[in-house]
């Protein structure tokens, strides 16, 4: 690990000073410290923001929805009674995301900003990685890419986004509260991440020095009938090969009044399947309709030699998740 300056921020103004160079923020450290040890990240300055937790680490639930402080720990949000009851897709995505030790340390804000698990990005012995060294190439294109993305890819990068919690926020229509040198702003969570375009080293739309303060999840009829289905190589502590976050509002005849569907493990960013949603909206949800939605979700997939199996796996994951959500019993 290389030398760096360490600063502890006790207020937002300390963390987002306009005169400071764009910092690397430290909360749980479960991604930042890992990548610093690997020499993938070489920050000149690290700003410890844990002193902001008393004001930006709370969880509030009410009639208008849910507010999750960015410095709340994953385990705290997963165990919160209101989250489990009214937003089960969030609780499930957090529970399936990592080991208990990591969930006790990792913050919600840091979790959605975690970097890819692509081995070519994380191993500096591979010089060609556009995400780590812009313009150097992409070793995964002709290398081992079984776990890589097939949606929102480009010839510049096919690294998959590794998180789980982000898919739940996409499905629930969450927004993100931000603070930065230019002031505060709020954006749709769906607009936070960029895909594998011509600048894969820019993974989010955050401005230099911006900090995530909180996530707001609106109260909606589809929030309680929601779930997260994750398919992986082993049952514990593994990243998704394919996953689906479903939020569903059904009418009395099982017709789909509203559907939100987000996919994980198959795209370069948290991926909302708009085409699949449109294919089901207004229709009775049965296995045939779910399969048509799954086909729509992967119509634009660009598989490669090693990850082509993910197309069928992803479709089956979507069908399973949709039918499981339809069967959920929602307490009055």
Protein backbone atom coordinates (compact mmCIF):
# COMPACT_ATOMS: atom_id res chain seq x y z
CA UNK A 1 0.00 0.00 0.00
CA UNK A 2 1.31 3.42 -0.96
CA UNK A 3 1.51 6.50 1.32
CA UNK A 4 -1.55 8.73 1.45
CA UNK A 5 -2.91 11.65 3.47
CA UNK A 6 -5.65 10.81 5.97
CA UNK A 7 -8.36 13.30 6.95
CA UNK A 8 -11.32 12.72 9.26
CA UNK A 9 -14.40 14.74 8.41
CA UNK A 10 -16.81 15.71 11.18
CA UNK A 11 -19.14 17.73 8.95
CA UNK A 12 -20.20 17.72 5.30
CA UNK A 13 -18.23 20.92 4.70
CA UNK A 14 -15.05 19.13 5.81
CA UNK A 15 -15.63 16.31 3.32
CA UNK A 16 -16.54 18.31 0.20
CA UNK A 17 -14.26 21.33 0.39
CA UNK A 18 -14.12 23.03 -3.04
CA UNK A 19 -10.37 23.70 -2.80
CA UNK A 20 -9.51 20.04 -2.18
CA UNK A 21 -8.67 17.53 -4.90
CA UNK A 22 -11.35 14.89 -5.54
CA UNK A 23 -10.97 12.62 -2.48
CA UNK A 24 -11.53 8.94 -1.92
CA UNK A 25 -14.09 8.54 0.86
CA UNK A 26 -13.69 5.92 3.57
CA UNK A 27 -16.72 4.48 5.35
CA UNK A 28 -16.63 0.72 5.93
CA UNK A 29 -13.54 0.40 3.76
CA UNK A 30 -14.58 -3.02 2.41
CA UNK A 31 -13.91 -1.94 -1.18
CA UNK A 32 -11.48 0.97 -0.88
CA UNK A 33 -8.95 -0.69 1.42
CA UNK A 34 -9.12 -3.92 -0.58
CA UNK A 35 -8.27 -2.13 -3.85
CA UNK A 36 -5.55 -0.04 -2.21
CA UNK A 37 -3.86 -3.22 -1.02
CA UNK A 38 -4.01 -4.58 -4.56
CA UNK A 39 -2.45 -1.33 -5.85
CA UNK A 40 -5.45 -0.81 -8.12
CA UNK A 41 -6.38 2.43 -6.36
CA UNK A 42 -3.65 4.88 -5.36
CA UNK A 43 -5.39 7.79 -3.63
CA UNK A 44 -3.33 10.78 -2.60
CA UNK A 45 -5.89 11.53 0.12
CA UNK A 46 -8.47 9.47 1.99
CA UNK A 47 -11.30 11.25 3.80
CA UNK A 48 -12.82 9.26 6.65
CA UNK A 49 -16.53 10.16 6.73
CA UNK A 50 -17.60 7.96 9.65
CA UNK A 51 -17.87 11.08 11.80
CA UNK A 52 -20.92 12.00 9.68
CA UNK A 53 -22.82 8.88 10.76
CA UNK A 54 -24.87 10.52 13.57
CA UNK A 55 -26.63 12.71 10.97
CA UNK A 56 -26.35 10.54 7.86
CA UNK A 57 -26.52 6.98 9.14
CA UNK A 58 -30.13 6.74 10.23
CA UNK A 59 -33.08 4.81 8.83
CA UNK A 60 -36.48 6.50 8.74
CA UNK A 61 -39.74 4.89 7.60
CA UNK A 62 -43.10 6.60 7.26
CA UNK A 63 -46.15 7.03 5.07
CA UNK A 64 -44.18 8.85 2.40
CA UNK A 65 -41.59 6.10 2.12
CA UNK A 66 -38.18 5.12 3.38
CA UNK A 67 -35.02 7.16 3.89
CA UNK A 68 -31.79 5.22 4.24
CA UNK A 69 -28.77 7.18 5.42
CA UNK A 70 -25.73 6.42 3.29
CA UNK A 71 -23.66 5.63 6.40
CA UNK A 72 -26.13 3.08 7.73
CA UNK A 73 -24.53 -0.35 7.72
CA UNK A 74 -25.89 -3.08 5.49
CA UNK A 75 -26.75 -5.27 8.47
CA UNK A 76 -28.72 -2.45 10.12
CA UNK A 77 -30.88 -1.89 7.05
CA UNK A 78 -31.40 -5.61 6.44
CA UNK A 79 -32.62 -6.16 10.01
CA UNK A 80 -34.87 -3.08 10.21
CA UNK A 81 -38.50 -4.20 10.80
CA UNK A 82 -40.02 -1.67 8.39
CA UNK A 83 -37.57 -2.60 5.65
CA UNK A 84 -38.34 -6.30 6.03
CA UNK A 85 -42.09 -5.75 6.12
CA UNK A 86 -42.64 -3.02 3.53
CA UNK A 87 -39.58 -3.29 1.25
CA UNK A 88 -38.60 -6.98 1.34
CA UNK A 89 -36.54 -6.73 -1.86
CA UNK A 90 -34.13 -4.42 -0.03
CA UNK A 91 -33.75 -6.71 2.98
CA UNK A 92 -33.21 -9.75 0.76
CA UNK A 93 -30.68 -8.06 -1.51
CA UNK A 94 -28.64 -6.98 1.51
CA UNK A 95 -28.82 -10.35 3.22
CA UNK A 96 -27.61 -12.15 0.09
CA UNK A 97 -24.87 -9.63 -0.68
CA UNK A 98 -21.98 -10.66 1.56
CA UNK A 99 -20.85 -12.38 4.73
CA UNK A 100 -22.21 -11.18 8.11
CA UNK A 101 -18.82 -9.68 8.92
CA UNK A 102 -18.82 -7.57 5.77
CA UNK A 103 -22.45 -6.53 6.23
CA UNK A 104 -21.60 -5.28 9.72
CA UNK A 105 -18.84 -3.06 8.29
CA UNK A 106 -20.03 -1.98 4.84
CA UNK A 107 -22.09 1.18 4.45
CA UNK A 108 -25.05 1.48 2.10
CA UNK A 109 -23.44 4.35 0.22
CA UNK A 110 -20.21 2.48 -0.25
CA UNK A 111 -22.01 -0.67 -1.32
CA UNK A 112 -23.63 0.90 -4.38
CA UNK A 113 -20.26 2.36 -5.42
CA UNK A 114 -18.30 -0.90 -5.19
CA UNK A 115 -16.06 -1.60 -8.15
CA UNK A 116 -16.27 -4.55 -10.51
CA UNK A 117 -14.89 -7.97 -9.59
CA UNK A 118 -13.35 -8.42 -13.06
CA UNK A 119 -10.01 -10.13 -12.44
CA UNK A 120 -8.33 -8.09 -15.18
CA UNK A 121 -9.28 -4.89 -13.34
CA UNK A 122 -8.17 -6.19 -9.95
CA UNK A 123 -4.85 -7.71 -11.07
CA UNK A 124 -2.34 -5.09 -12.15
CA UNK A 125 -0.28 -7.80 -13.86
CA UNK A 126 -2.76 -7.39 -16.73
CA UNK A 127 -1.91 -4.02 -18.31
CA UNK A 128 -4.91 -3.90 -20.66
CA UNK A 129 -7.90 -2.66 -18.66
CA UNK A 130 -9.76 0.42 -19.84
CA UNK A 131 -11.45 0.71 -16.46
CA UNK A 132 -8.11 0.91 -14.64
CA UNK A 133 -5.93 2.42 -17.40
CA UNK A 134 -8.11 4.30 -19.93
CA UNK A 135 -7.14 3.53 -23.50
CA UNK A 136 -5.14 0.40 -22.68
CA UNK A 137 -7.70 -2.10 -24.01
CA UNK A 138 -9.88 -4.80 -22.48
CA UNK A 139 -8.24 -8.12 -21.66
CA UNK A 140 -11.59 -9.75 -20.96
CA UNK A 141 -12.78 -9.52 -24.57
CA UNK A 142 -10.52 -12.37 -25.63
CA UNK A 143 -9.77 -13.72 -22.17
CA UNK A 144 -11.75 -15.49 -19.46
CA UNK A 145 -15.15 -13.76 -19.27
CA UNK A 146 -17.57 -16.33 -17.81
CA UNK A 147 -18.75 -13.90 -15.11
CA UNK A 148 -18.87 -10.85 -17.36
CA UNK A 149 -21.75 -8.79 -18.69
CA UNK A 150 -23.86 -9.22 -21.80
CA UNK A 151 -26.09 -6.15 -21.47
CA UNK A 152 -24.91 -2.52 -21.83
CA UNK A 153 -21.48 -3.66 -22.95
CA UNK A 154 -19.13 -2.19 -25.54
CA UNK A 155 -15.85 -3.04 -27.19
CA UNK A 156 -14.25 -0.97 -24.42
CA UNK A 157 -15.50 -2.95 -21.42
CA UNK A 158 -17.63 -6.00 -20.57
CA UNK A 159 -17.08 -6.00 -16.80
CA UNK A 160 -20.26 -6.74 -14.86
CA UNK A 161 -21.53 -4.63 -11.98
CA UNK A 162 -21.22 -6.85 -8.88
CA UNK A 163 -23.73 -5.42 -6.40
CA UNK A 164 -27.15 -6.61 -5.22
CA UNK A 165 -28.61 -3.71 -3.21
CA UNK A 166 -28.46 -1.42 -6.25
CA UNK A 167 -30.89 -3.62 -8.17
CA UNK A 168 -33.43 -3.29 -5.36
CA UNK A 169 -33.12 0.51 -5.43
CA UNK A 170 -33.58 0.54 -9.21
CA UNK A 171 -36.70 -1.62 -8.95
CA UNK A 172 -38.24 0.59 -6.26
CA UNK A 173 -37.63 3.88 -8.08
CA UNK A 174 -35.29 5.27 -5.43
CA UNK A 175 -33.60 8.65 -5.54
CA UNK A 176 -30.17 9.65 -4.24
CA UNK A 177 -29.38 12.72 -2.12
CA UNK A 178 -25.94 14.13 -2.90
CA UNK A 179 -23.70 16.85 -1.51
CA UNK A 180 -20.67 18.32 -3.22
CA UNK A 181 -18.55 21.43 -3.70
CA UNK A 182 -21.29 22.95 -5.89
CA UNK A 183 -24.03 22.23 -3.35
CA UNK A 184 -26.76 19.64 -2.86
CA UNK A 185 -28.76 17.84 -5.53
CA UNK A 186 -31.03 14.81 -5.92
CA UNK A 187 -31.00 12.37 -8.82
CA UNK A 188 -32.85 9.18 -9.72
CA UNK A 189 -30.88 6.17 -8.56
CA UNK A 190 -31.26 4.70 -12.04
CA UNK A 191 -29.16 7.61 -13.32
CA UNK A 192 -26.29 7.10 -10.86
CA UNK A 193 -24.29 4.48 -12.77
CA UNK A 194 -22.84 4.55 -16.24
CA UNK A 195 -22.48 1.49 -18.48
CA UNK A 196 -19.59 0.04 -20.47
CA UNK A 197 -19.45 2.92 -22.93
CA UNK A 198 -16.42 4.68 -24.42
CA UNK A 199 -15.25 5.81 -20.96
CA UNK A 200 -15.56 2.76 -18.68
CA UNK A 201 -13.24 4.30 -16.08
CA UNK A 202 -16.11 6.71 -15.30
CA UNK A 203 -18.50 4.38 -13.51
CA UNK A 204 -20.98 6.90 -12.09
CA UNK A 205 -22.43 10.32 -12.83
CA UNK A 206 -21.10 11.71 -9.54
CA UNK A 207 -19.32 15.03 -9.91
CA UNK A 208 -15.80 15.43 -8.50
CA UNK A 209 -15.94 15.52 -4.72
CA UNK A 210 -19.63 14.57 -4.47
CA UNK A 211 -20.78 12.43 -1.59
CA UNK A 212 -23.90 10.26 -1.25
CA UNK A 213 -25.91 11.31 1.82
CA UNK A 214 -29.03 9.15 1.59
CA UNK A 215 -31.39 7.05 -0.52
CA UNK A 216 -35.10 7.80 -0.62
CA UNK A 217 -37.52 5.03 -1.55
CA UNK A 218 -41.09 6.16 -2.21
CA UNK A 219 -44.01 4.30 -0.71
CA UNK A 220 -45.65 2.52 -3.64
CA UNK A 221 -48.18 -0.30 -4.10
CA UNK A 222 -45.52 -2.55 -5.63
CA UNK A 223 -43.00 -2.16 -2.78
CA UNK A 224 -44.47 -4.80 -0.45
CA UNK A 225 -44.86 -7.40 -3.21
CA UNK A 226 -41.16 -7.39 -3.97
CA UNK A 227 -38.31 -9.88 -3.82
CA UNK A 228 -34.73 -10.49 -4.84
CA UNK A 229 -33.67 -13.74 -6.50
CA UNK A 230 -29.93 -14.41 -6.82
CA UNK A 231 -28.38 -17.28 -8.77
CA UNK A 232 -24.70 -17.97 -8.07
CA UNK A 233 -22.11 -20.72 -8.10
CA UNK A 234 -22.48 -21.39 -4.38
CA UNK A 235 -25.07 -20.50 -1.77
CA UNK A 236 -22.94 -18.20 0.36
CA UNK A 237 -20.59 -15.30 -0.25
CA UNK A 238 -20.57 -15.38 -4.05
CA UNK A 239 -21.44 -12.79 -6.65
CA UNK A 240 -24.47 -13.21 -8.89
CA UNK A 241 -24.25 -14.94 -12.23
CA UNK A 242 -27.79 -13.65 -12.72
CA UNK A 243 -30.22 -11.96 -10.38
CA UNK A 244 -33.58 -10.24 -10.52
CA UNK A 245 -35.20 -7.63 -8.28
CA UNK A 246 -38.97 -7.61 -8.80
CA UNK A 247 -41.53 -5.12 -7.48
CA UNK A 248 -45.06 -5.98 -8.55
CA UNK A 249 -48.58 -4.57 -8.19
CA UNK A 250 -51.29 -7.05 -9.19
CA UNK A 251 -54.98 -6.47 -9.80
CA UNK A 252 -57.72 -8.81 -8.54
CA UNK A 253 -57.47 -10.93 -11.70
CA UNK A 254 -53.66 -11.18 -11.45
CA UNK A 255 -53.32 -8.53 -14.14
CA UNK A 256 -50.13 -6.51 -13.85
CA UNK A 257 -50.98 -2.97 -12.82
CA UNK A 258 -47.33 -2.02 -12.31
CA UNK A 259 -44.05 -3.87 -12.58
CA UNK A 260 -40.47 -2.87 -11.87
CA UNK A 261 -37.74 -5.31 -12.85
CA UNK A 262 -33.99 -4.86 -12.37
CA UNK A 263 -31.31 -7.36 -13.35
CA UNK A 264 -27.94 -8.07 -11.77
CA UNK A 265 -24.89 -10.10 -12.73
CA UNK A 266 -25.58 -9.66 -16.45
CA UNK A 267 -24.97 -5.97 -17.14
CA UNK A 268 -22.21 -3.40 -16.77
CA UNK A 269 -24.48 -1.35 -14.49
CA UNK A 270 -27.57 -1.96 -12.33
CA UNK A 271 -29.97 -2.72 -15.16
CA UNK A 272 -33.67 -1.91 -15.34
CA UNK A 273 -35.47 -4.12 -17.84
CA UNK A 274 -37.88 -1.57 -19.33
CA UNK A 275 -38.81 -3.80 -22.29
CA UNK A 276 -39.80 -6.67 -20.00
CA UNK A 277 -41.92 -4.35 -17.87
CA UNK A 278 -43.76 -3.07 -20.95
CA UNK A 279 -44.34 -6.62 -22.18
CA UNK A 280 -46.25 -7.52 -19.00
CA UNK A 281 -48.03 -4.32 -18.05
CA UNK A 282 -51.82 -4.80 -18.25
CA UNK A 283 -51.55 -8.55 -18.86
CA UNK A 284 -52.43 -11.46 -16.62
CA UNK A 285 -49.24 -12.79 -15.08
CA UNK A 286 -48.81 -16.49 -15.80
CA UNK A 287 -45.84 -18.58 -16.89
CA UNK A 288 -46.35 -17.86 -20.57
CA UNK A 289 -46.47 -14.10 -20.00
CA UNK A 290 -43.43 -14.28 -17.71
CA UNK A 291 -41.47 -16.11 -20.40
CA UNK A 292 -42.34 -13.44 -22.95
CA UNK A 293 -41.15 -10.78 -20.54
CA UNK A 294 -37.91 -12.69 -20.02
CA UNK A 295 -37.35 -12.85 -23.78
CA UNK A 296 -37.83 -9.10 -23.97
CA UNK A 297 -35.39 -8.54 -21.10
CA UNK A 298 -32.56 -10.26 -22.99
CA UNK A 299 -33.43 -9.29 -26.56
CA UNK A 300 -30.41 -6.96 -26.74
CA UNK A 301 -27.93 -9.29 -25.03
CA UNK A 302 -24.47 -9.51 -26.57
CA UNK A 303 -23.03 -12.78 -25.26
CA UNK A 304 -19.49 -13.98 -25.84
CA UNK A 305 -18.02 -17.47 -25.89
CA UNK A 306 -17.76 -18.08 -22.13
CA UNK A 307 -20.81 -16.21 -20.84
CA UNK A 308 -23.41 -17.20 -23.46
CA UNK A 309 -25.03 -19.50 -20.87
CA UNK A 310 -26.11 -16.38 -18.98
CA UNK A 311 -28.76 -15.59 -21.58
CA UNK A 312 -30.83 -18.66 -20.76
CA UNK A 313 -29.90 -18.49 -17.08
CA UNK A 314 -31.01 -14.87 -16.95
CA UNK A 315 -34.33 -15.63 -18.63
CA UNK A 316 -35.08 -18.46 -16.22
CA UNK A 317 -34.16 -16.22 -13.30
CA UNK A 318 -36.62 -13.58 -14.49
CA UNK A 319 -39.43 -16.14 -14.88
CA UNK A 320 -38.80 -17.62 -11.43
CA UNK A 321 -38.69 -14.20 -9.80
CA UNK A 322 -41.88 -12.96 -11.47
CA UNK A 323 -43.90 -16.06 -10.58
CA UNK A 324 -42.56 -16.07 -7.02
CA UNK A 325 -43.56 -12.42 -6.58
CA UNK A 326 -47.05 -13.20 -7.90
CA UNK A 327 -47.44 -15.93 -5.27
CA UNK A 328 -46.43 -13.73 -2.36
CA UNK A 329 -48.98 -13.29 0.42
CA UNK A 330 -49.14 -9.63 1.38
CA UNK A 331 -50.26 -8.91 4.98
CA UNK A 332 -53.13 -6.45 5.29
